[in-house]
PDB file of N, CA and C in Angstrom:
ATOM      1  N   MET A   1       1.695 -42.956  -1.794  1.00  0.00           N
ATOM      2  CA  MET A   1       2.520 -41.936  -2.413  1.00  0.00           C
ATOM      3  C   MET A   1       3.983 -42.257  -2.103  1.00  0.00           C
ATOM      4  N   ASN A   2       4.805 -42.157  -3.071  1.00  0.00           N
ATOM      5  CA  ASN A   2       6.220 -42.477  -2.853  1.00  0.00           C
ATOM      6  C   ASN A   2       6.975 -41.263  -2.315  1.00  0.00           C
ATOM      7  N   ARG A   3       8.246 -41.471  -2.040  1.00  0.00           N
ATOM      8  CA  ARG A   3       9.075 -40.406  -1.452  1.00  0.00           C
ATOM      9  C   ARG A   3       9.179 -39.184  -2.359  1.00  0.00           C
ATOM     10  N   PHE A   4       9.299 -39.426  -3.661  1.00  0.00           N
ATOM     11  CA  PHE A   4       9.452 -38.303  -4.595  1.00  0.00           C
ATOM     12  C   PHE A   4       8.227 -37.387  -4.553  1.00  0.00           C
ATOM     13  N   GLY A   5       7.042 -37.946  -4.455  1.00  0.00           N
ATOM     14  CA  GLY A   5       5.820 -37.144  -4.374  1.00  0.00           C
ATOM     15  C   GLY A   5       5.766 -36.317  -3.104  1.00  0.00           C
ATOM     16  N   VAL A   6       6.153 -36.914  -1.988  1.00  0.00           N
ATOM     17  CA  VAL A   6       6.159 -36.207  -0.702  1.00  0.00           C
ATOM     18  C   VAL A   6       7.172 -35.072  -0.726  1.00  0.00           C
ATOM     19  N   VAL A   7       8.361 -35.348  -1.243  1.00  0.00           N
ATOM     20  CA  VAL A   7       9.406 -34.323  -1.324  1.00  0.00           C
ATOM     21  C   VAL A   7       8.950 -33.182  -2.236  1.00  0.00           C
ATOM     22  N   LYS A   8       8.298 -33.512  -3.343  1.00  0.00           N
ATOM     23  CA  LYS A   8       7.821 -32.494  -4.274  1.00  0.00           C
ATOM     24  C   LYS A   8       6.766 -31.602  -3.604  1.00  0.00           C
ATOM     25  N   ILE A   9       5.864 -32.188  -2.842  1.00  0.00           N
ATOM     26  CA  ILE A   9       4.842 -31.406  -2.135  1.00  0.00           C
ATOM     27  C   ILE A   9       5.490 -30.501  -1.092  1.00  0.00           C
ATOM     28  N   ILE A  10       6.464 -31.006  -0.360  1.00  0.00           N
ATOM     29  CA  ILE A  10       7.162 -30.205   0.652  1.00  0.00           C
ATOM     30  C   ILE A  10       7.898 -29.040  -0.010  1.00  0.00           C
ATOM     31  N   ILE A  11       8.566 -29.282  -1.124  1.00  0.00           N
ATOM     32  CA  ILE A  11       9.300 -28.222  -1.815  1.00  0.00           C
ATOM     33  C   ILE A  11       8.337 -27.160  -2.352  1.00  0.00           C
ATOM     34  N   ILE A  12       7.234 -27.575  -2.927  1.00  0.00           N
ATOM     35  CA  ILE A  12       6.248 -26.615  -3.456  1.00  0.00           C
ATOM     36  C   ILE A  12       5.662 -25.784  -2.330  1.00  0.00           C
ATOM     37  N   PHE A  13       5.276 -26.418  -1.225  1.00  0.00           N
ATOM     38  CA  PHE A  13       4.711 -25.681  -0.093  1.00  0.00           C
ATOM     39  C   PHE A  13       5.732 -24.706   0.496  1.00  0.00           C
ATOM     40  N   SER A  14       6.973 -25.144   0.642  1.00  0.00           N
ATOM     41  CA  SER A  14       8.019 -24.266   1.185  1.00  0.00           C
ATOM     42  C   SER A  14       8.271 -23.073   0.260  1.00  0.00           C
ATOM     43  N   SER A  15       8.303 -23.323  -1.033  1.00  0.00           N
ATOM     44  CA  SER A  15       8.538 -22.240  -1.992  1.00  0.00           C
ATOM     45  C   SER A  15       7.404 -21.221  -1.971  1.00  0.00           C
ATOM     46  N   LEU A  16       6.167 -21.694  -1.959  1.00  0.00           N
ATOM     47  CA  LEU A  16       5.029 -20.779  -1.909  1.00  0.00           C
ATOM     48  C   LEU A  16       5.002 -19.982  -0.608  1.00  0.00           C
ATOM     49  N   SER A  17       5.342 -20.625   0.493  1.00  0.00           N
ATOM     50  CA  SER A  17       5.399 -19.917   1.779  1.00  0.00           C
ATOM     51  C   SER A  17       6.467 -18.826   1.749  1.00  0.00           C
ATOM     52  N   TYR A  18       7.636 -19.160   1.231  1.00  0.00           N
ATOM     53  CA  TYR A  18       8.725 -18.187   1.151  1.00  0.00           C
ATOM     54  C   TYR A  18       8.341 -17.006   0.259  1.00  0.00           C
ATOM     55  N   LEU A  19       7.750 -17.299  -0.913  1.00  0.00           N
ATOM     56  CA  LEU A  19       7.336 -16.222  -1.816  1.00  0.00           C
ATOM     57  C   LEU A  19       6.254 -15.352  -1.191  1.00  0.00           C
ATOM     58  N   GLY A  20       5.325 -15.968  -0.481  1.00  0.00           N
ATOM     59  CA  GLY A  20       4.269 -15.210   0.189  1.00  0.00           C
ATOM     60  C   GLY A  20       4.822 -14.287   1.265  1.00  0.00           C
ATOM     61  N   LEU A  21       5.718 -14.800   2.086  1.00  0.00           N
ATOM     62  CA  LEU A  21       6.309 -13.972   3.138  1.00  0.00           C
ATOM     63  C   LEU A  21       7.161 -12.843   2.557  1.00  0.00           C
ATOM     64  N   THR A  22       7.897 -13.125   1.489  1.00  0.00           N
ATOM     65  CA  THR A  22       8.706 -12.090   0.842  1.00  0.00           C
ATOM     66  C   THR A  22       7.816 -10.996   0.271  1.00  0.00           C
ATOM     67  N   PHE A  23       6.717 -11.385  -0.384  1.00  0.00           N
ATOM     68  CA  PHE A  23       5.787 -10.403  -0.930  1.00  0.00           C
ATOM     69  C   PHE A  23       5.197  -9.537   0.176  1.00  0.00           C
ATOM     70  N   LEU A  24       4.742 -10.151   1.265  1.00  0.00           N
ATOM     71  CA  LEU A  24       4.137  -9.379   2.358  1.00  0.00           C
ATOM     72  C   LEU A  24       5.146  -8.437   3.001  1.00  0.00           C
ATOM     73  N   ARG A  25       6.388  -8.876   3.149  1.00  0.00           N
ATOM     74  CA  ARG A  25       7.409  -8.009   3.734  1.00  0.00           C
ATOM     75  C   ARG A  25       7.663  -6.803   2.828  1.00  0.00           C
ATOM     76  N   TYR A  26       7.738  -7.034   1.520  1.00  0.00           N
ATOM     77  CA  TYR A  26       7.961  -5.946   0.564  1.00  0.00           C
ATOM     78  C   TYR A  26       6.737  -5.034   0.485  1.00  0.00           C
ATOM     79  N   TYR A  27       5.557  -5.614   0.429  1.00  0.00           N
ATOM     80  CA  TYR A  27       4.316  -4.846   0.287  1.00  0.00           C
ATOM     81  C   TYR A  27       4.073  -3.968   1.508  1.00  0.00           C
ATOM     82  N   ASN A  28       4.427  -4.425   2.692  1.00  0.00           N
ATOM     83  CA  ASN A  28       4.168  -3.694   3.922  1.00  0.00           C
ATOM     84  C   ASN A  28       5.354  -2.879   4.411  1.00  0.00           C
ATOM     85  N   SER A  29       6.370  -2.687   3.588  1.00  0.00           N
ATOM     86  CA  SER A  29       7.495  -1.858   4.010  1.00  0.00           C
ATOM     87  C   SER A  29       7.037  -0.395   4.056  1.00  0.00           C
ATOM     88  N   PRO A  30       7.588   0.398   4.972  1.00  0.00           N
ATOM     89  CA  PRO A  30       7.147   1.795   5.117  1.00  0.00           C
ATOM     90  C   PRO A  30       7.292   2.614   3.832  1.00  0.00           C
ATOM     91  N   GLU A  31       8.340   2.357   3.063  1.00  0.00           N
ATOM     92  CA  GLU A  31       8.526   3.120   1.824  1.00  0.00           C
ATOM     93  C   GLU A  31       7.400   2.836   0.828  1.00  0.00           C
ATOM     94  N   ASN A  32       7.015   1.579   0.717  1.00  0.00           N
ATOM     95  CA  ASN A  32       5.962   1.221  -0.231  1.00  0.00           C
ATOM     96  C   ASN A  32       4.588   1.693   0.236  1.00  0.00           C
ATOM     97  N   ILE A  33       4.352   1.673   1.537  1.00  0.00           N
ATOM     98  CA  ILE A  33       3.086   2.200   2.056  1.00  0.00           C
ATOM     99  C   ILE A  33       3.000   3.684   1.738  1.00  0.00           C
ATOM    100  N   GLU A  34       4.100   4.406   1.942  1.00  0.00           N
ATOM    101  CA  GLU A  34       4.103   5.838   1.651  1.00  0.00           C
ATOM    102  C   GLU A  34       3.867   6.104   0.168  1.00  0.00           C
ATOM    103  N   LYS A  35       4.511   5.335  -0.697  1.00  0.00           N
ATOM    104  CA  LYS A  35       4.318   5.517  -2.144  1.00  0.00           C
ATOM    105  C   LYS A  35       2.868   5.272  -2.544  1.00  0.00           C
ATOM    106  N   ARG A  36       2.257   4.203  -1.984  1.00  0.00           N
ATOM    107  CA  ARG A  36       0.862   3.916  -2.312  1.00  0.00           C
ATOM    108  C   ARG A  36      -0.057   5.031  -1.834  1.00  0.00           C
ATOM    109  N   CYS A  37       0.202   5.550  -0.635  1.00  0.00           N
ATOM    110  CA  CYS A  37      -0.642   6.619  -0.096  1.00  0.00           C
ATOM    111  C   CYS A  37      -0.484   7.899  -0.906  1.00  0.00           C
ATOM    112  N   ILE A  38       0.730   8.211  -1.303  1.00  0.00           N
ATOM    113  CA  ILE A  38       0.954   9.419  -2.097  1.00  0.00           C
ATOM    114  C   ILE A  38       0.232   9.304  -3.434  1.00  0.00           C
ATOM    115  N   ARG A  39       0.367   8.155  -4.105  1.00  0.00           N
ATOM    116  CA  ARG A  39      -0.326   7.969  -5.392  1.00  0.00           C
ATOM    117  C   ARG A  39      -1.831   8.011  -5.233  1.00  0.00           C
ATOM    118  N   LYS A  40      -2.324   7.473  -4.130  1.00  0.00           N
ATOM    119  CA  LYS A  40      -3.765   7.404  -3.905  1.00  0.00           C
ATOM    120  C   LYS A  40      -4.366   8.791  -3.704  1.00  0.00           C
ATOM    121  N   PHE A  41      -3.638   9.674  -3.043  1.00  0.00           N
ATOM    122  CA  PHE A  41      -4.202  10.974  -2.686  1.00  0.00           C
ATOM    123  C   PHE A  41      -3.606  12.151  -3.445  1.00  0.00           C
ATOM    124  N   GLU A  42      -2.696  11.939  -4.383  1.00  0.00           N
ATOM    125  CA  GLU A  42      -2.115  13.075  -5.092  1.00  0.00           C
ATOM    126  C   GLU A  42      -3.135  13.738  -6.023  1.00  0.00           C
ATOM    127  N   LYS A  43      -4.169  13.026  -6.394  1.00  0.00           N
ATOM    128  CA  LYS A  43      -5.232  13.635  -7.201  1.00  0.00           C
ATOM    129  C   LYS A  43      -5.924  14.748  -6.423  1.00  0.00           C
ATOM    130  N   GLU A  44      -6.006  14.601  -5.108  1.00  0.00           N
ATOM    131  CA  GLU A  44      -6.676  15.606  -4.280  1.00  0.00           C
ATOM    132  C   GLU A  44      -5.828  16.866  -4.110  1.00  0.00           C
ATOM    133  N   PHE A  45      -4.541  16.810  -4.435  1.00  0.00           N
ATOM    134  CA  PHE A  45      -3.660  17.949  -4.226  1.00  0.00           C
ATOM    135  C   PHE A  45      -3.515  18.835  -5.456  1.00  0.00           C
ATOM    136  N   THR A  46      -4.188  18.532  -6.544  1.00  0.00           N
ATOM    137  CA  THR A  46      -4.132  19.405  -7.713  1.00  0.00           C
ATOM    138  C   THR A  46      -5.089  20.568  -7.505  1.00  0.00           C
ATOM    139  N   ILE A  47      -4.683  21.752  -7.939  1.00  0.00           N
ATOM    140  CA  ILE A  47      -5.485  22.962  -7.717  1.00  0.00           C
ATOM    141  C   ILE A  47      -6.265  23.295  -8.982  1.00  0.00           C
ATOM    142  N   PRO A  48      -7.592  23.074  -8.964  1.00  0.00           N
ATOM    143  CA  PRO A  48      -8.398  23.546 -10.089  1.00  0.00           C
ATOM    144  C   PRO A  48      -8.496  25.074 -10.043  1.00  0.00           C
ATOM    145  N   LEU A  49      -8.467  25.719 -11.175  1.00  0.00           N
ATOM    146  CA  LEU A  49      -8.447  27.179 -11.219  1.00  0.00           C
ATOM    147  C   LEU A  49      -9.726  27.810 -10.698  1.00  0.00           C
ATOM    148  N   GLU A  50     -10.857  27.143 -10.868  1.00  0.00           N
ATOM    149  CA  GLU A  50     -12.128  27.745 -10.464  1.00  0.00           C
ATOM    150  C   GLU A  50     -12.467  27.531  -8.990  1.00  0.00           C
ATOM    151  N   THR A  51     -11.618  26.838  -8.226  1.00  0.00           N
ATOM    152  CA  THR A  51     -11.899  26.571  -6.822  1.00  0.00           C
ATOM    153  C   THR A  51     -11.508  27.774  -5.966  1.00  0.00           C
ATOM    154  N   PRO A  52     -12.443  28.277  -5.136  1.00  0.00           N
ATOM    155  CA  PRO A  52     -12.090  29.389  -4.228  1.00  0.00           C
ATOM    156  C   PRO A  52     -11.100  28.933  -3.155  1.00  0.00           C
ATOM    157  N   ARG A  53     -10.363  29.889  -2.625  1.00  0.00           N
ATOM    158  CA  ARG A  53      -9.309  29.586  -1.656  1.00  0.00           C
ATOM    159  C   ARG A  53      -9.854  28.888  -0.411  1.00  0.00           C
ATOM    160  N   GLU A  54     -10.977  29.310   0.107  1.00  0.00           N
ATOM    161  CA  GLU A  54     -11.536  28.708   1.326  1.00  0.00           C
ATOM    162  C   GLU A  54     -11.885  27.239   1.089  1.00  0.00           C
ATOM    163  N   GLU A  55     -12.474  26.974  -0.062  1.00  0.00           N
ATOM    164  CA  GLU A  55     -12.819  25.584  -0.375  1.00  0.00           C
ATOM    165  C   GLU A  55     -11.548  24.756  -0.586  1.00  0.00           C
ATOM    166  N   TRP A  56     -10.549  25.355  -1.194  1.00  0.00           N
ATOM    167  CA  TRP A  56      -9.296  24.651  -1.429  1.00  0.00           C
ATOM    168  C   TRP A  56      -8.615  24.284  -0.122  1.00  0.00           C
ATOM    169  N   VAL A  57      -8.673  25.174   0.886  1.00  0.00           N
ATOM    170  CA  VAL A  57      -8.077  24.880   2.189  1.00  0.00           C
ATOM    171  C   VAL A  57      -8.785  23.678   2.826  1.00  0.00           C
ATOM    172  N   LEU A  58     -10.106  23.613   2.694  1.00  0.00           N
ATOM    173  CA  LEU A  58     -10.855  22.473   3.228  1.00  0.00           C
ATOM    174  C   LEU A  58     -10.493  21.175   2.504  1.00  0.00           C
ATOM    175  N   ILE A  59     -10.329  21.264   1.194  1.00  0.00           N
ATOM    176  CA  ILE A  59      -9.943  20.083   0.421  1.00  0.00           C
ATOM    177  C   ILE A  59      -8.563  19.597   0.849  1.00  0.00           C
ATOM    178  N   LEU A  60      -7.630  20.522   1.054  1.00  0.00           N
ATOM    179  CA  LEU A  60      -6.279  20.133   1.499  1.00  0.00           C
ATOM    180  C   LEU A  60      -6.298  19.503   2.884  1.00  0.00           C
ATOM    181  N   ASP A  61      -7.107  20.048   3.794  1.00  0.00           N
ATOM    182  CA  ASP A  61      -7.213  19.460   5.128  1.00  0.00           C
ATOM    183  C   ASP A  61      -7.761  18.038   5.067  1.00  0.00           C
ATOM    184  N   LEU A  62      -8.791  17.845   4.246  1.00  0.00           N
ATOM    185  CA  LEU A  62      -9.367  16.515   4.100  1.00  0.00           C
ATOM    186  C   LEU A  62      -8.353  15.544   3.482  1.00  0.00           C
ATOM    187  N   ALA A  63      -7.648  15.992   2.453  1.00  0.00           N
ATOM    188  CA  ALA A  63      -6.645  15.141   1.813  1.00  0.00           C
ATOM    189  C   ALA A  63      -5.511  14.818   2.784  1.00  0.00           C
ATOM    190  N   ASP A  64      -5.109  15.799   3.586  1.00  0.00           N
ATOM    191  CA  ASP A  64      -4.047  15.567   4.565  1.00  0.00           C
ATOM    192  C   ASP A  64      -4.493  14.543   5.603  1.00  0.00           C
ATOM    193  N   ASN A  65      -5.721  14.667   6.082  1.00  0.00           N
ATOM    194  CA  ASN A  65      -6.243  13.695   7.058  1.00  0.00           C
ATOM    195  C   ASN A  65      -6.326  12.296   6.447  1.00  0.00           C
ATOM    196  N   ASN A  66      -6.770  12.201   5.204  1.00  0.00           N
ATOM    197  CA  ASN A  66      -6.843  10.904   4.523  1.00  0.00           C
ATOM    198  C   ASN A  66      -5.459  10.301   4.335  1.00  0.00           C
ATOM    199  N   TYR A  67      -4.481  11.133   4.002  1.00  0.00           N
ATOM    200  CA  TYR A  67      -3.115  10.652   3.836  1.00  0.00           C
ATOM    201  C   TYR A  67      -2.556  10.113   5.144  1.00  0.00           C
ATOM    202  N   LEU A  68      -2.763  10.853   6.220  1.00  0.00           N
ATOM    203  CA  LEU A  68      -2.269  10.411   7.526  1.00  0.00           C
ATOM    204  C   LEU A  68      -2.962   9.130   7.956  1.00  0.00           C
ATOM    205  N   ARG A  69      -4.259   9.011   7.687  1.00  0.00           N
ATOM    206  CA  ARG A  69      -4.991   7.783   8.023  1.00  0.00           C
ATOM    207  C   ARG A  69      -4.454   6.605   7.202  1.00  0.00           C
ATOM    208  N   CYS A  70      -4.151   6.864   5.933  1.00  0.00           N
ATOM    209  CA  CYS A  70      -3.592   5.814   5.075  1.00  0.00           C
ATOM    210  C   CYS A  70      -2.226   5.357   5.589  1.00  0.00           C
ATOM    211  N   MET A  71      -1.436   6.291   6.078  1.00  0.00           N
ATOM    212  CA  MET A  71      -0.103   5.960   6.599  1.00  0.00           C
ATOM    213  C   MET A  71      -0.169   5.284   7.968  1.00  0.00           C
ATOM    214  N   GLY A  72      -1.346   5.318   8.618  1.00  0.00           N
ATOM    215  CA  GLY A  72      -1.495   4.703   9.921  1.00  0.00           C
ATOM    216  C   GLY A  72      -1.068   5.608  11.059  1.00  0.00           C
ATOM    217  N   ILE A  73      -1.031   6.916  10.809  1.00  0.00           N
ATOM    218  CA  ILE A  73      -0.668   7.887  11.834  1.00  0.00           C
ATOM    219  C   ILE A  73      -1.959   8.439  12.441  1.00  0.00           C
ATOM    220  N   PRO A  74      -2.140   8.308  13.762  1.00  0.00           N
ATOM    221  CA  PRO A  74      -3.397   8.794  14.385  1.00  0.00           C
ATOM    222  C   PRO A  74      -3.478  10.306  14.396  1.00  0.00           C
TER     223      PRO A  74
END
């Protein structure tokens, strides 16, 4: 393999590594984790009209616990 091939492989590997690290840093930022958790559990926070209050309180507690677990808060 000549020098140009080696340099091309090094540049491709470096670029992919940089893009991977940038993606992971962005994906794991606290703001993005919070947005994902809110979107994931906002369906549980809608109030159906036929749900009794006691059952609704239990649903909210479960959704709150799931949200905190998603955020990584013990």
